[in-house]
């Protein structure tokens, strides 16, 4: 009997975690692992994309132009799927979701612009058979190359961190969310109130 009771409690606890107010751990972990693979592929494409100049590598250069763009969009899709576990998206609180994750959207948009600015000239150079010296003699292409590599690493690491933070309990319990919002607002208004009183 004690064993049956223990098994029932385990099943109930797991159902509570995977319930409508919680997160399904297995699906959440699978999406995080998929995101990690996508990030590794993104860094891998960025590491080899600017070292293939032979005309026989034209098809590979086309692939290395298209794939990073698709990977970037896939990362955003996975982020939305992870946000879909939270009560913000389940209850249609789009303004609250924007205020919480606007940094993700803005940074992802900026990184996408940098990615296009760096990859489009490289794609044109591959299509028209430029020599490496013709491409790298342009200081603008040098700047975009380094900017894209740095932005890629920072963006991917930051996005992984933000996705991991979605496992916090406050994103699945509206009561905890409201409590933290009140605490945050009280902290921001306290210095202003004290200055007025003084």
Protein backbone atom coordinates (compact mmCIF):
# COMPACT_ATOMS: atom_id res chain seq x y z
CA UNK A 1 0.00 0.00 0.00
CA UNK A 2 2.76 2.55 0.80
CA UNK A 3 4.32 1.83 -2.61
CA UNK A 4 1.00 2.43 -4.39
CA UNK A 5 0.51 5.68 -2.49
CA UNK A 6 4.00 6.88 -3.40
CA UNK A 7 3.50 6.10 -7.09
CA UNK A 8 0.19 7.98 -7.09
CA UNK A 9 1.84 10.99 -5.50
CA UNK A 10 4.59 10.92 -8.13
CA UNK A 11 2.03 10.82 -10.92
CA UNK A 12 0.08 13.69 -9.39
CA UNK A 13 3.20 15.81 -8.97
CA UNK A 14 4.26 15.21 -12.55
CA UNK A 15 0.77 16.11 -13.76
CA UNK A 16 0.95 19.32 -11.76
CA UNK A 17 4.22 20.28 -13.41
CA UNK A 18 2.89 19.55 -16.88
CA UNK A 19 -0.51 21.09 -16.25
CA UNK A 20 -2.03 24.21 -17.82
CA UNK A 21 -0.32 26.47 -15.26
CA UNK A 22 3.05 24.75 -15.55
CA UNK A 23 5.58 23.73 -18.14
CA UNK A 24 5.86 20.34 -19.80
CA UNK A 25 9.48 19.48 -18.92
CA UNK A 26 10.08 17.00 -21.73
CA UNK A 27 8.83 19.24 -24.52
CA UNK A 28 10.56 22.26 -23.04
CA UNK A 29 13.89 20.39 -22.83
CA UNK A 30 13.55 19.11 -26.41
CA UNK A 31 13.03 22.64 -27.73
CA UNK A 32 16.01 23.92 -25.77
CA UNK A 33 18.20 21.13 -27.14
CA UNK A 34 17.02 21.87 -30.67
CA UNK A 35 17.86 25.54 -30.12
CA UNK A 36 21.35 24.58 -28.95
CA UNK A 37 21.90 22.55 -32.14
CA UNK A 38 20.65 25.47 -34.25
CA UNK A 39 23.04 27.84 -32.47
CA UNK A 40 25.98 25.50 -33.11
CA UNK A 41 25.04 25.24 -36.79
CA UNK A 42 24.75 29.02 -36.98
CA UNK A 43 28.25 29.50 -35.57
CA UNK A 44 29.59 26.76 -37.85
CA UNK A 45 28.17 28.42 -40.96
CA UNK A 46 29.64 31.75 -39.91
CA UNK A 47 33.07 30.19 -39.42
CA UNK A 48 33.36 28.73 -42.94
CA UNK A 49 31.30 31.11 -45.07
CA UNK A 50 34.13 33.55 -45.89
CA UNK A 51 36.88 31.04 -46.68
CA UNK A 52 35.51 29.44 -49.85
CA UNK A 53 36.47 31.44 -52.94
CA UNK A 54 37.01 28.79 -55.58
CA UNK A 55 34.41 28.89 -58.40
CA UNK A 56 33.74 25.21 -57.80
CA UNK A 57 32.30 26.16 -54.37
CA UNK A 58 29.54 28.32 -55.85
CA UNK A 59 26.72 25.98 -54.78
CA UNK A 60 28.18 25.75 -51.28
CA UNK A 61 28.39 29.54 -51.06
CA UNK A 62 24.73 29.78 -52.03
CA UNK A 63 23.89 27.31 -49.26
CA UNK A 64 25.99 29.26 -46.76
CA UNK A 65 24.10 32.40 -47.74
CA UNK A 66 20.63 30.92 -47.33
CA UNK A 67 21.17 28.64 -44.31
CA UNK A 68 22.20 31.34 -41.75
CA UNK A 69 19.10 33.35 -42.62
CA UNK A 70 16.89 30.29 -42.15
CA UNK A 71 18.66 29.41 -38.90
CA UNK A 72 18.08 32.90 -37.55
CA UNK A 73 14.37 32.68 -38.34
CA UNK A 74 14.27 29.18 -36.84
CA UNK A 75 15.77 30.48 -33.60
CA UNK A 76 13.00 33.07 -33.36
CA UNK A 77 10.40 30.38 -34.06
CA UNK A 78 11.78 28.18 -31.27
CA UNK A 79 11.73 31.16 -28.92
CA UNK A 80 8.04 31.73 -29.72
CA UNK A 81 7.35 28.04 -29.13
CA UNK A 82 9.01 28.29 -25.72
CA UNK A 83 7.04 31.44 -24.90
CA UNK A 84 3.94 29.47 -25.89
CA UNK A 85 4.40 27.43 -22.71
CA UNK A 86 3.96 30.54 -20.57
CA UNK A 87 0.66 32.03 -19.46
CA UNK A 88 1.49 35.28 -21.29
CA UNK A 89 0.85 33.77 -24.69
CA UNK A 90 -1.78 31.28 -23.52
CA UNK A 91 -3.95 34.10 -22.19
CA UNK A 92 -3.18 36.46 -25.09
CA UNK A 93 -1.31 39.04 -22.99
CA UNK A 94 0.62 40.38 -25.98
CA UNK A 95 1.42 43.77 -24.45
CA UNK A 96 2.84 42.10 -21.35
CA UNK A 97 4.83 39.75 -23.54
CA UNK A 98 6.19 42.67 -25.55
CA UNK A 99 7.24 44.57 -22.43
CA UNK A 100 8.99 41.47 -21.07
CA UNK A 101 10.71 40.29 -24.26
CA UNK A 102 11.04 43.41 -26.40
CA UNK A 103 14.81 43.21 -25.98
CA UNK A 104 14.79 39.82 -27.71
CA UNK A 105 12.79 41.10 -30.66
CA UNK A 106 14.83 44.30 -31.08
CA UNK A 107 18.20 42.56 -30.76
CA UNK A 108 17.12 39.78 -33.13
CA UNK A 109 15.99 42.34 -35.69
CA UNK A 110 19.30 44.23 -35.44
CA UNK A 111 21.27 41.00 -35.75
CA UNK A 112 19.22 40.03 -38.80
CA UNK A 113 20.06 43.37 -40.43
CA UNK A 114 23.77 42.91 -39.68
CA UNK A 115 23.60 39.37 -41.04
CA UNK A 116 22.09 40.52 -44.31
CA UNK A 117 24.54 43.43 -44.60
CA UNK A 118 27.46 41.02 -44.22
CA UNK A 119 26.19 38.08 -46.26
CA UNK A 120 24.66 39.85 -49.28
CA UNK A 121 28.01 41.35 -50.49
CA UNK A 122 29.68 37.98 -49.96
CA UNK A 123 26.92 36.31 -51.98
CA UNK A 124 27.33 38.86 -54.79
CA UNK A 125 31.10 38.28 -54.77
CA UNK A 126 30.56 34.53 -55.10
CA UNK A 127 28.00 34.90 -57.89
CA UNK A 128 30.20 37.22 -59.98
CA UNK A 129 33.44 35.39 -59.29
CA UNK A 130 35.29 38.11 -57.41
CA UNK A 131 38.80 37.40 -56.28
CA UNK A 132 39.45 37.47 -52.52
CA UNK A 133 41.62 40.60 -52.84
CA UNK A 134 38.80 42.48 -54.59
CA UNK A 135 36.47 41.73 -51.71
CA UNK A 136 38.78 42.18 -48.72
CA UNK A 137 40.34 45.41 -50.01
CA UNK A 138 37.07 47.11 -49.16
CA UNK A 139 37.23 48.30 -45.50
CA UNK A 140 33.44 48.24 -45.27
CA UNK A 141 33.36 44.50 -45.93
CA UNK A 142 36.06 44.04 -43.29
CA UNK A 143 33.98 45.93 -40.73
CA UNK A 144 30.81 43.99 -41.59
CA UNK A 145 32.70 40.69 -41.35
CA UNK A 146 33.90 41.35 -37.80
CA UNK A 147 30.63 42.96 -36.76
CA UNK A 148 28.63 39.98 -37.99
CA UNK A 149 30.86 37.45 -36.21
CA UNK A 150 30.77 39.34 -32.92
CA UNK A 151 27.02 39.97 -33.15
CA UNK A 152 26.36 36.31 -33.94
CA UNK A 153 28.19 35.04 -30.86
CA UNK A 154 26.63 37.62 -28.53
CA UNK A 155 23.13 37.16 -29.95
CA UNK A 156 23.21 33.36 -29.84
CA UNK A 157 24.57 33.20 -26.28
CA UNK A 158 22.10 35.84 -25.08
CA UNK A 159 19.17 34.10 -26.75
CA UNK A 160 20.10 30.80 -25.12
CA UNK A 161 20.18 32.53 -21.74
CA UNK A 162 16.79 34.18 -22.32
CA UNK A 163 15.26 30.86 -23.39
CA UNK A 164 16.62 29.13 -20.29
CA UNK A 165 15.11 31.90 -18.15
CA UNK A 166 11.66 30.94 -19.48
CA UNK A 167 11.76 27.96 -17.11
CA UNK A 168 11.23 30.30 -14.14
CA UNK A 169 8.05 29.72 -12.18
CA UNK A 170 6.79 33.30 -12.54
CA UNK A 171 6.11 32.75 -16.25
CA UNK A 172 3.57 30.02 -15.39
CA UNK A 173 1.94 31.43 -12.24
CA UNK A 174 0.07 34.72 -12.79
CA UNK A 175 0.07 35.35 -9.04
CA UNK A 176 3.86 35.27 -8.86
CA UNK A 177 4.07 37.41 -12.00
CA UNK A 178 1.84 40.10 -10.47
CA UNK A 179 3.77 39.94 -7.20
CA UNK A 180 7.08 40.54 -8.93
CA UNK A 181 5.62 43.35 -11.04
CA UNK A 182 4.38 45.08 -7.90
CA UNK A 183 7.77 44.67 -6.24
CA UNK A 184 9.53 46.05 -9.30
CA UNK A 185 7.18 49.04 -9.55
CA UNK A 186 7.57 49.77 -5.83
CA UNK A 187 11.36 49.75 -6.19
CA UNK A 188 11.24 52.17 -9.11
CA UNK A 189 8.80 54.55 -7.45
CA UNK A 190 10.44 54.51 -4.00
CA UNK A 191 13.41 56.80 -4.90
CA UNK A 192 11.08 59.29 -6.60
CA UNK A 193 8.78 59.34 -3.62
CA UNK A 194 11.65 59.86 -1.19
CA UNK A 195 13.05 62.72 -3.28
CA UNK A 196 9.64 64.44 -3.32
CA UNK A 197 9.31 64.12 0.44
CA UNK A 198 12.77 65.51 0.96
